[in-house]
C-alpha atoms as a PDB file:
ATOM      1  CA  MET A   1      -1.465   8.280  -9.567  1.00  0.00           C
ATOM      2  CA  LYS A   2      -0.846   7.048 -13.238  1.00  0.00           C
ATOM      3  CA  ASP A   3       2.457   5.752 -12.085  1.00  0.00           C
ATOM      4  CA  LEU A   4       1.392   3.783  -9.168  1.00  0.00           C
ATOM      5  CA  LYS A   5      -1.603   2.416 -11.270  1.00  0.00           C
ATOM      6  CA  ARG A   6       0.588   1.601 -14.420  1.00  0.00           C
ATOM      7  CA  ARG A   7       3.149  -0.282 -11.793  1.00  0.00           C
ATOM      8  CA  MET A   8       0.028  -2.496 -10.069  1.00  0.00           C
ATOM      9  CA  ARG A   9      -1.075  -3.357 -13.607  1.00  0.00           C
ATOM     10  CA  ARG A  10       2.115  -4.280 -14.363  1.00  0.00           C
ATOM     11  CA  LYS A  11       2.782  -6.252 -11.008  1.00  0.00           C
ATOM     12  CA  ALA A  12      -0.545  -8.144 -11.545  1.00  0.00           C
ATOM     13  CA  ARG A  13       0.156  -9.307 -15.066  1.00  0.00           C
ATOM     14  CA  CYS A  14       3.885 -10.885 -13.552  1.00  0.00           C
ATOM     15  CA  TRP A  15       1.967 -12.002 -10.489  1.00  0.00           C
ATOM     16  CA  PRO A  16      -1.774 -13.607 -11.794  1.00  0.00           C
ATOM     17  CA  GLY A  17      -3.631 -13.631  -8.976  1.00  0.00           C
ATOM     18  CA  CYS A  18      -1.672 -12.032  -6.609  1.00  0.00           C
ATOM     19  CA  PHE A  19      -3.462  -8.414  -6.571  1.00  0.00           C
ATOM     20  CA  ASP A  20      -7.139  -7.957  -6.996  1.00  0.00           C
ATOM     21  CA  LEU A  21      -7.335  -5.008  -9.328  1.00  0.00           C
ATOM     22  CA  SER A  22     -11.100  -4.591  -9.396  1.00  0.00           C
ATOM     23  CA  ARG A  23     -11.092  -1.786  -6.639  1.00  0.00           C
ATOM     24  CA  MET A  24      -8.257   0.347  -8.761  1.00  0.00           C
ATOM     25  CA  GLY A  25     -11.116   2.892 -10.009  1.00  0.00           C
ATOM     26  CA  GLU A  26     -11.786   4.594  -6.224  1.00  0.00           C
ATOM     27  CA  VAL A  27      -7.657   4.736  -6.033  1.00  0.00           C
ATOM     28  CA  THR A  28      -7.603   8.736  -6.591  1.00  0.00           C
ATOM     29  CA  THR A  29      -4.846   9.415  -3.873  1.00  0.00           C
ATOM     30  CA  VAL A  30      -1.558   8.092  -2.368  1.00  0.00           C
ATOM     31  CA  ARG A  31      -3.475   7.471   0.487  1.00  0.00           C
ATOM     32  CA  ALA A  32      -6.442   4.994  -1.259  1.00  0.00           C
ATOM     33  CA  PHE A  33      -3.740   3.308  -3.009  1.00  0.00           C
ATOM     34  CA  ASP A  34      -1.883   2.531   0.414  1.00  0.00           C
ATOM     35  CA  GLU A  35      -5.635   1.631   1.981  1.00  0.00           C
ATOM     36  CA  VAL A  36      -6.438  -0.352  -0.734  1.00  0.00           C
ATOM     37  CA  TYR A  37      -2.818  -1.872  -1.934  1.00  0.00           C
ATOM     38  CA  THR A  38      -0.296  -1.339   0.097  1.00  0.00           C
ATOM     39  CA  ALA A  39      -1.377  -1.927   3.647  1.00  0.00           C
ATOM     40  CA  PRO A  40      -3.033  -5.245   2.985  1.00  0.00           C
ATOM     41  CA  HIS A  41      -0.228  -6.693   0.915  1.00  0.00           C
ATOM     42  CA  PHE A  42       2.390  -5.955   3.458  1.00  0.00           C
ATOM     43  CA  GLY A  43       0.103  -7.447   6.232  1.00  0.00           C
ATOM     44  CA  PHE A  44      -1.190  -4.449   7.785  1.00  0.00           C
ATOM     45  CA  LEU A  45      -4.822  -3.280   9.117  1.00  0.00           C
ATOM     46  CA  ASP A  46      -5.152  -0.043   6.889  1.00  0.00           C
ATOM     47  CA  ALA A  47      -3.502   2.858   5.798  1.00  0.00           C
ATOM     48  CA  GLU A  48      -3.361   4.411   9.056  1.00  0.00           C
ATOM     49  CA  ASP A  49      -1.726   1.386  10.502  1.00  0.00           C
ATOM     50  CA  TYR A  50       0.959   1.391   7.971  1.00  0.00           C
ATOM     51  CA  TYR A  51       1.643   4.531   8.350  1.00  0.00           C
ATOM     52  CA  HIS A  52       2.336   4.817  12.331  1.00  0.00           C
ATOM     53  CA  ARG A  53       3.782   1.485  12.084  1.00  0.00           C
ATOM     54  CA  ALA A  54       6.552   2.118   9.055  1.00  0.00           C
ATOM     55  CA  SER A  55       7.252   5.669  10.586  1.00  0.00           C
ATOM     56  CA  ALA A  56      10.594   6.242  12.420  1.00  0.00           C
ATOM     57  CA  MET A  57       8.985   9.290  14.366  1.00  0.00           C
ATOM     58  CA  ARG A  58       7.967   6.243  16.631  1.00  0.00           C
ATOM     59  CA  VAL A  59      11.120   5.682  17.740  1.00  0.00           C
ATOM     60  CA  VAL A  60      13.575   8.885  16.926  1.00  0.00           C
ATOM     61  CA  ASP A  61      13.656   9.830  20.213  1.00  0.00           C
ATOM     62  CA  ARG A  62      15.331   7.098  20.954  1.00  0.00           C
ATOM     63  CA  VAL A  63      18.205   7.653  18.253  1.00  0.00           C
ATOM     64  CA  ARG A  64      21.317   7.554  19.559  1.00  0.00           C
ATOM     65  CA  VAL A  65      23.916   7.775  16.940  1.00  0.00           C
ATOM     66  CA  PRO A  66      24.820  10.405  14.202  1.00  0.00           C
ATOM     67  CA  ALA A  67      21.701  10.263  11.748  1.00  0.00           C
ATOM     68  CA  LEU A  68      21.124  12.527   8.488  1.00  0.00           C
ATOM     69  CA  VAL A  69      17.548  12.904   7.605  1.00  0.00           C
ATOM     70  CA  ILE A  70      17.756  14.447   3.634  1.00  0.00           C
ATOM     71  CA  THR A  71      13.751  15.824   2.550  1.00  0.00           C
ATOM     72  CA  ALA A  72      11.922  18.001   0.103  1.00  0.00           C
ATOM     73  CA  GLU A  73       8.901  20.396   0.845  1.00  0.00           C
ATOM     74  CA  ASP A  74       7.709  19.004  -2.527  1.00  0.00           C
ATOM     75  CA  ASP A  75       8.341  15.092  -1.444  1.00  0.00           C
ATOM     76  CA  PRO A  76       4.425  14.064  -2.835  1.00  0.00           C
ATOM     77  CA  PHE A  77       4.313  11.226  -0.757  1.00  0.00           C
ATOM     78  CA  VAL A  78       5.964  12.539   2.889  1.00  0.00           C
ATOM     79  CA  PRO A  79       4.597  15.738   3.599  1.00  0.00           C
ATOM     80  CA  PRO A  80       7.653  18.482   5.190  1.00  0.00           C
ATOM     81  CA  ASP A  81       5.536  18.678   8.637  1.00  0.00           C
ATOM     82  CA  PRO A  82       6.341  16.040  10.382  1.00  0.00           C
ATOM     83  CA  PHE A  83      10.018  16.880  10.331  1.00  0.00           C
ATOM     84  CA  ALA A  84       9.698  20.010  12.429  1.00  0.00           C
ATOM     85  CA  ASP A  85       8.143  17.621  15.408  1.00  0.00           C
ATOM     86  CA  PRO A  86      10.587  18.167  18.669  1.00  0.00           C
ATOM     87  CA  ALA A  87      11.239  14.768  18.650  1.00  0.00           C
ATOM     88  CA  LEU A  88      13.109  14.966  15.598  1.00  0.00           C
ATOM     89  CA  THR A  89      14.517  18.626  15.953  1.00  0.00           C
ATOM     90  CA  GLY A  90      15.357  17.760  19.668  1.00  0.00           C
ATOM     91  CA  ASN A  91      17.203  15.227  19.152  1.00  0.00           C
ATOM     92  CA  PRO A  92      20.784  16.114  18.967  1.00  0.00           C
ATOM     93  CA  TYR A  93      22.022  12.650  17.162  1.00  0.00           C
ATOM     94  CA  VAL A  94      19.472  13.560  14.257  1.00  0.00           C
ATOM     95  CA  SER A  95      20.226  16.208  11.462  1.00  0.00           C
ATOM     96  CA  VAL A  96      17.226  17.147   9.553  1.00  0.00           C
ATOM     97  CA  GLU A  97      18.341  19.032   5.976  1.00  0.00           C
ATOM     98  CA  MET A  98      14.962  20.096   4.382  1.00  0.00           C
ATOM     99  CA  PHE A  99      15.485  21.630   0.946  1.00  0.00           C
ATOM    100  CA  PRO A 100      12.394  23.200  -1.265  1.00  0.00           C
ATOM    101  CA  TYR A 101      13.116  20.685  -3.897  1.00  0.00           C
ATOM    102  CA  GLY A 102      13.626  16.992  -4.694  1.00  0.00           C
ATOM    103  CA  GLY A 103      10.114  15.416  -4.390  1.00  0.00           C
ATOM    104  CA  HIS A 104      10.639  11.877  -3.100  1.00  0.00           C
ATOM    105  CA  CYS A 105      14.477  10.444  -3.678  1.00  0.00           C
ATOM    106  CA  GLY A 106      14.924  13.046  -6.609  1.00  0.00           C
ATOM    107  CA  PHE A 107      17.945  14.577  -5.397  1.00  0.00           C
ATOM    108  CA  VAL A 108      19.674  15.310  -8.251  1.00  0.00           C
ATOM    109  CA  GLY A 109      21.575  18.454 -10.466  1.00  0.00           C
ATOM    110  CA  PRO A 110      23.813  19.240 -12.671  1.00  0.00           C
ATOM    111  CA  ARG A 111      26.722  16.656 -14.104  1.00  0.00           C
ATOM    112  CA  ASP A 112      29.627  17.098 -15.031  1.00  0.00           C
ATOM    113  CA  ALA A 113      33.530  15.448 -15.607  1.00  0.00           C
ATOM    114  CA  ASN A 114      34.008  14.785 -11.702  1.00  0.00           C
ATOM    115  CA  PHE A 115      30.541  14.745 -10.354  1.00  0.00           C
ATOM    116  CA  ASP A 116      27.381  12.355 -11.504  1.00  0.00           C
ATOM    117  CA  GLY A 117      24.961  14.763 -10.296  1.00  0.00           C
ATOM    118  CA  TYR A 118      23.608  12.791  -7.478  1.00  0.00           C
ATOM    119  CA  TRP A 119      24.265  14.964  -4.384  1.00  0.00           C
ATOM    120  CA  ALA A 120      22.340  13.535  -2.034  1.00  0.00           C
ATOM    121  CA  GLU A 121      24.007  10.500  -2.232  1.00  0.00           C
ATOM    122  CA  ALA A 122      27.678  12.907  -2.012  1.00  0.00           C
ATOM    123  CA  ARG A 123      26.336  14.537   1.244  1.00  0.00           C
ATOM    124  CA  ILE A 124      25.573  11.353   2.794  1.00  0.00           C
ATOM    125  CA  VAL A 125      29.010  10.180   2.515  1.00  0.00           C
ATOM    126  CA  GLU A 126      30.172  14.154   3.734  1.00  0.00           C
ATOM    127  CA  PHE A 127      28.219  14.034   6.441  1.00  0.00           C
ATOM    128  CA  ALA A 128      29.422   9.838   7.439  1.00  0.00           C
ATOM    129  CA  GLU A 129      33.167  11.352   7.086  1.00  0.00           C
ATOM    130  CA  HIS A 130      32.739  13.900   9.458  1.00  0.00           C
ATOM    131  CA  VAL A 131      30.757  12.168  12.298  1.00  0.00           C
ATOM    132  CA  SER A 132      32.093  11.017  15.270  1.00  0.00           C
ATOM    133  CA  LEU A 133      32.056   7.632  15.556  1.00  0.00           C
ATOM    134  CA  ASP A 134      32.325   7.653  19.913  1.00  0.00           C
ATOM    135  CA  ARG A 135      28.369   8.096  19.679  1.00  0.00           C
ATOM    136  CA  GLN A 136      28.240  11.967  20.246  1.00  0.00           C
ATOM    137  CA  PRO A 137      25.721  14.203  19.573  1.00  0.00           C
ATOM    138  CA  LEU A 138      26.004  16.276  17.032  1.00  0.00           C
ATOM    139  CA  ALA A 139      26.764  19.716  17.262  1.00  0.00           C
ATOM    140  CA  GLN A 140      24.299  22.328  17.212  1.00  0.00           C
END
């Protein structure tokens, strides 16, 4: 929360009058941040509307191309529970890989002369190289 608040104050300095910081004191959770800042700034009614309309879960049952989902159990923004949803796990085109650690986009590991440590990006390339382009479901 400290980083989100610091970022919001920086944005308010860069774009005077665009962001009302008067409600910053009531923001103690990510959901409250989304309610006060994210949702209204991007035209959503509230945090619930933002989460619903921005969620891929509304359309995941219609995915018909091979897709890879990489997530972590310790993601501070996205809880792991939705990744067990049958709409996601039951879609043969979607492969879910959940790891205990990684946070929110923090999938890095040790670097060496041949590897930059960004293993999620390497995994995405590997996945893309091995999926069939004829839009067949992934092997289960």
